[in-house]
């Protein structure tokens, strides 16, 4: 179900309808900074803060939120992408704008596939952040130019780009897990894990697990440990 679209607050048309924002980040300083920047916008209203992804899901489900500004990596608990999927799965859900320091393909794909309406780096200028919030609230996609460019590159050459599942496997390889451990973590057979690794080696033009991790890290496909 498509969520209801609220107006972005036209001050010339009388009393504006504010865009209600929920800030989800485990760092109090980051939330305070976002609050300071976004509260300066006349058509924004900060209605809540969530120090965990789980709390963000709870507050979003309670209603009264139009846009959730979601971090991807919290100290403990649920990943931001999983929280995004839980939020956007509900009828009439708020839009989720991912605001994070992580910009690997694995993180971007996880957020987009979870239903995020946009993806911006935390160091985005205030004007760009405010514009992205309004774009997301209006029901449109709000992707940083660099993110949009990378997604377009993947669409142009899908056969050469590791899939989301292959990147998940590669991240676990980076963390030192064996094929058996990866199969248990992802609920796959060991044969499937081996098949994913074969495809990864071919796409990255490497011949070993170590080389695959190094190549993927260098290309920004996965994060460094």
Protein backbone atom coordinates (compact mmCIF):
# COMPACT_ATOMS: atom_id res chain seq x y z
CA UNK A 1 0.00 0.00 0.00
CA UNK A 2 1.36 3.41 -0.94
CA UNK A 3 1.75 5.64 2.13
CA UNK A 4 -0.27 8.85 2.22
CA UNK A 5 1.64 11.82 0.92
CA UNK A 6 1.66 14.90 3.13
CA UNK A 7 2.32 18.38 1.78
CA UNK A 8 5.75 19.76 2.46
CA UNK A 9 4.47 22.90 4.13
CA UNK A 10 3.83 25.92 1.92
CA UNK A 11 4.08 28.93 4.23
CA UNK A 12 2.44 31.18 1.64
CA UNK A 13 -0.75 29.14 1.75
CA UNK A 14 -1.42 29.91 5.43
CA UNK A 15 -0.55 27.68 8.36
CA UNK A 16 1.87 25.02 7.10
CA UNK A 17 1.40 21.31 7.66
CA UNK A 18 4.74 20.32 9.19
CA UNK A 19 6.70 17.29 8.09
CA UNK A 20 7.01 15.19 11.25
CA UNK A 21 10.47 13.69 11.71
CA UNK A 22 11.85 10.83 13.79
CA UNK A 23 15.62 10.77 14.34
CA UNK A 24 17.07 7.25 14.69
CA UNK A 25 20.76 7.12 15.63
CA UNK A 26 22.63 5.56 18.55
CA UNK A 27 24.88 8.61 19.05
CA UNK A 28 23.29 11.42 21.16
CA UNK A 29 25.64 14.00 19.64
CA UNK A 30 24.53 13.08 16.12
CA UNK A 31 20.85 13.29 17.09
CA UNK A 32 21.46 16.66 18.74
CA UNK A 33 23.18 17.93 15.61
CA UNK A 34 20.37 16.74 13.36
CA UNK A 35 17.79 18.28 15.67
CA UNK A 36 19.60 21.63 15.61
CA UNK A 37 19.86 21.65 11.81
CA UNK A 38 16.37 20.39 11.01
CA UNK A 39 14.55 22.41 13.68
CA UNK A 40 15.70 25.54 11.88
CA UNK A 41 13.44 24.63 8.95
CA UNK A 42 9.96 26.19 9.41
CA UNK A 43 8.12 23.22 7.87
CA UNK A 44 9.84 20.51 9.94
CA UNK A 45 8.78 19.18 13.34
CA UNK A 46 10.97 16.76 15.32
CA UNK A 47 8.47 14.44 17.00
CA UNK A 48 10.82 11.83 18.44
CA UNK A 49 14.27 10.32 18.80
CA UNK A 50 15.29 6.66 18.82
CA UNK A 51 18.68 5.47 20.15
CA UNK A 52 18.10 1.96 18.76
CA UNK A 53 16.67 0.52 15.56
CA UNK A 54 14.10 -1.41 17.60
CA UNK A 55 12.85 1.80 19.18
CA UNK A 56 12.61 3.43 15.77
CA UNK A 57 10.32 0.61 14.62
CA UNK A 58 8.15 0.99 17.72
CA UNK A 59 7.78 4.77 17.41
CA UNK A 60 7.08 4.54 13.68
CA UNK A 61 4.34 1.97 14.27
CA UNK A 62 2.70 4.26 16.83
CA UNK A 63 1.95 6.80 14.08
CA UNK A 64 2.43 10.54 13.82
CA UNK A 65 5.66 10.28 11.81
CA UNK A 66 6.14 11.25 8.17
CA UNK A 67 9.88 10.68 7.66
CA UNK A 68 12.36 8.59 9.66
CA UNK A 69 16.01 9.59 9.42
CA UNK A 70 17.66 6.21 9.90
CA UNK A 71 21.27 5.31 10.64
CA UNK A 72 22.42 1.94 9.29
CA UNK A 73 24.77 0.70 11.99
CA UNK A 74 23.70 0.81 15.61
CA UNK A 75 26.00 -0.26 18.44
CA UNK A 76 23.96 -3.35 19.24
CA UNK A 77 20.71 -4.91 18.13
CA UNK A 78 18.92 -4.70 14.81
CA UNK A 79 20.64 -3.34 11.69
CA UNK A 80 19.17 -0.17 10.23
CA UNK A 81 18.25 -1.92 6.99
CA UNK A 82 16.19 -4.52 8.86
CA UNK A 83 14.48 -1.76 10.83
CA UNK A 84 13.76 0.05 7.56
CA UNK A 85 12.14 -3.08 6.13
CA UNK A 86 10.03 -3.50 9.26
CA UNK A 87 8.90 0.13 9.13
CA UNK A 88 8.08 0.26 5.43
CA UNK A 89 6.20 -3.05 5.49
CA UNK A 90 3.31 -1.51 7.43
CA UNK A 91 0.33 0.08 5.64
CA UNK A 92 0.58 3.87 5.63
CA UNK A 93 4.18 3.70 6.84
CA UNK A 94 6.40 6.77 7.07
CA UNK A 95 9.13 7.23 4.52
CA UNK A 96 12.64 6.23 5.61
CA UNK A 97 15.63 8.37 4.69
CA UNK A 98 18.91 6.60 5.44
CA UNK A 99 21.54 8.99 6.79
CA UNK A 100 24.83 7.21 7.41
CA UNK A 101 28.61 7.21 7.12
CA UNK A 102 28.56 3.89 5.25
CA UNK A 103 28.45 4.00 1.46
CA UNK A 104 29.50 0.57 0.23
CA UNK A 105 27.41 -1.23 -2.37
CA UNK A 106 26.41 -3.76 0.28
CA UNK A 107 25.02 -1.05 2.56
CA UNK A 108 23.33 0.87 -0.26
CA UNK A 109 21.67 -2.23 -1.69
CA UNK A 110 20.52 -3.35 1.76
CA UNK A 111 18.85 0.01 2.37
CA UNK A 112 17.24 0.31 -1.05
CA UNK A 113 15.95 -3.26 -1.01
CA UNK A 114 14.53 -2.64 2.47
CA UNK A 115 12.38 0.14 1.06
CA UNK A 116 14.34 3.28 1.93
CA UNK A 117 13.11 6.36 0.10
CA UNK A 118 16.55 7.92 0.11
CA UNK A 119 20.20 7.52 1.06
CA UNK A 120 22.50 10.37 2.10
CA UNK A 121 25.91 10.60 3.78
CA UNK A 122 25.92 12.19 7.23
CA UNK A 123 28.22 14.94 6.01
CA UNK A 124 25.68 16.15 3.44
CA UNK A 125 25.20 19.95 3.54
CA UNK A 126 22.16 21.13 5.56
CA UNK A 127 20.43 22.40 2.43
CA UNK A 128 20.84 19.03 0.72
CA UNK A 129 19.55 17.21 3.80
CA UNK A 130 16.48 19.45 4.08
CA UNK A 131 15.74 19.02 0.37
CA UNK A 132 16.05 15.24 0.70
CA UNK A 133 13.61 15.20 3.62
CA UNK A 134 11.04 17.17 1.62
CA UNK A 135 11.57 14.95 -1.42
CA UNK A 136 11.07 11.80 0.64
CA UNK A 137 7.98 13.24 2.35
CA UNK A 138 6.46 14.00 -1.05
CA UNK A 139 6.73 10.33 -2.04
CA UNK A 140 9.70 10.64 -4.36
CA UNK A 141 13.16 9.08 -4.23
CA UNK A 142 15.92 11.07 -2.55
CA UNK A 143 19.32 9.61 -3.39
CA UNK A 144 22.62 11.43 -3.11
CA UNK A 145 24.08 11.94 -6.62
CA UNK A 146 27.03 9.63 -5.93
CA UNK A 147 24.70 6.89 -4.68
CA UNK A 148 22.38 7.25 -7.67
CA UNK A 149 25.38 7.05 -10.01
CA UNK A 150 26.57 3.81 -8.43
CA UNK A 151 23.14 2.23 -8.64
CA UNK A 152 22.88 3.22 -12.31
CA UNK A 153 26.27 1.61 -12.96
CA UNK A 154 25.03 -1.62 -11.41
CA UNK A 155 21.91 -1.52 -13.57
CA UNK A 156 23.97 -0.98 -16.74
CA UNK A 157 26.25 -3.95 -16.04
CA UNK A 158 24.25 -6.31 -13.79
CA UNK A 159 26.18 -9.42 -14.85
CA UNK A 160 29.47 -7.89 -13.69
CA UNK A 161 28.22 -6.66 -10.32
CA UNK A 162 28.02 -8.97 -7.29
CA UNK A 163 24.45 -9.50 -6.15
CA UNK A 164 23.20 -8.54 -2.72
CA UNK A 165 23.45 -12.17 -1.56
CA UNK A 166 26.96 -12.51 -2.96
CA UNK A 167 28.01 -9.40 -1.05
CA UNK A 168 26.53 -10.88 2.13
CA UNK A 169 28.63 -14.00 1.60
CA UNK A 170 31.71 -11.90 0.92
CA UNK A 171 31.21 -9.87 4.09
CA UNK A 172 31.17 -13.08 6.12
CA UNK A 173 34.29 -14.28 4.31
CA UNK A 174 35.91 -11.00 5.32
CA UNK A 175 34.90 -11.70 8.93
CA UNK A 176 36.76 -15.01 8.77
CA UNK A 177 33.82 -17.43 8.63
CA UNK A 178 34.21 -20.81 6.94
CA UNK A 179 31.81 -22.05 4.26
CA UNK A 180 30.05 -24.16 6.88
CA UNK A 181 29.64 -21.19 9.21
CA UNK A 182 28.40 -19.00 6.35
CA UNK A 183 25.86 -21.64 5.33
CA UNK A 184 24.48 -21.73 8.88
CA UNK A 185 24.43 -17.94 9.22
CA UNK A 186 22.58 -17.39 5.93
CA UNK A 187 20.52 -20.60 6.01
CA UNK A 188 22.09 -21.86 2.80
CA UNK A 189 23.60 -25.17 1.81
CA UNK A 190 27.38 -25.37 1.60
CA UNK A 191 27.03 -26.08 -2.12
CA UNK A 192 25.17 -22.80 -2.55
CA UNK A 193 27.84 -20.91 -0.63
CA UNK A 194 30.52 -22.43 -2.87
CA UNK A 195 28.50 -21.46 -5.93
CA UNK A 196 28.26 -17.87 -4.72
CA UNK A 197 32.02 -17.79 -4.18
CA UNK A 198 32.65 -19.09 -7.70
CA UNK A 199 30.49 -16.29 -9.11
CA UNK A 200 32.22 -13.73 -6.89
CA UNK A 201 35.67 -14.82 -8.06
CA UNK A 202 34.57 -14.57 -11.70
CA UNK A 203 33.01 -11.13 -11.29
CA UNK A 204 35.97 -9.72 -9.38
CA UNK A 205 38.51 -11.56 -11.56
CA UNK A 206 40.30 -13.15 -8.60
CA UNK A 207 41.16 -16.70 -7.56
CA UNK A 208 41.03 -16.74 -3.76
CA UNK A 209 38.98 -15.64 -0.76
CA UNK A 210 41.66 -13.20 0.36
CA UNK A 211 41.93 -11.62 -3.07
CA UNK A 212 38.13 -11.36 -3.34
CA UNK A 213 37.88 -9.52 -0.04
CA UNK A 214 40.74 -7.19 -1.01
CA UNK A 215 39.24 -6.41 -4.42
CA UNK A 216 35.74 -5.84 -3.05
CA UNK A 217 37.04 -3.56 -0.32
CA UNK A 218 39.12 -1.54 -2.76
CA UNK A 219 36.09 -1.06 -5.03
CA UNK A 220 33.85 0.02 -2.17
CA UNK A 221 31.61 -3.04 -2.45
CA UNK A 222 32.05 -4.02 1.20
CA UNK A 223 33.38 -2.23 4.27
CA UNK A 224 36.76 -2.75 5.87
CA UNK A 225 36.69 -4.47 9.25
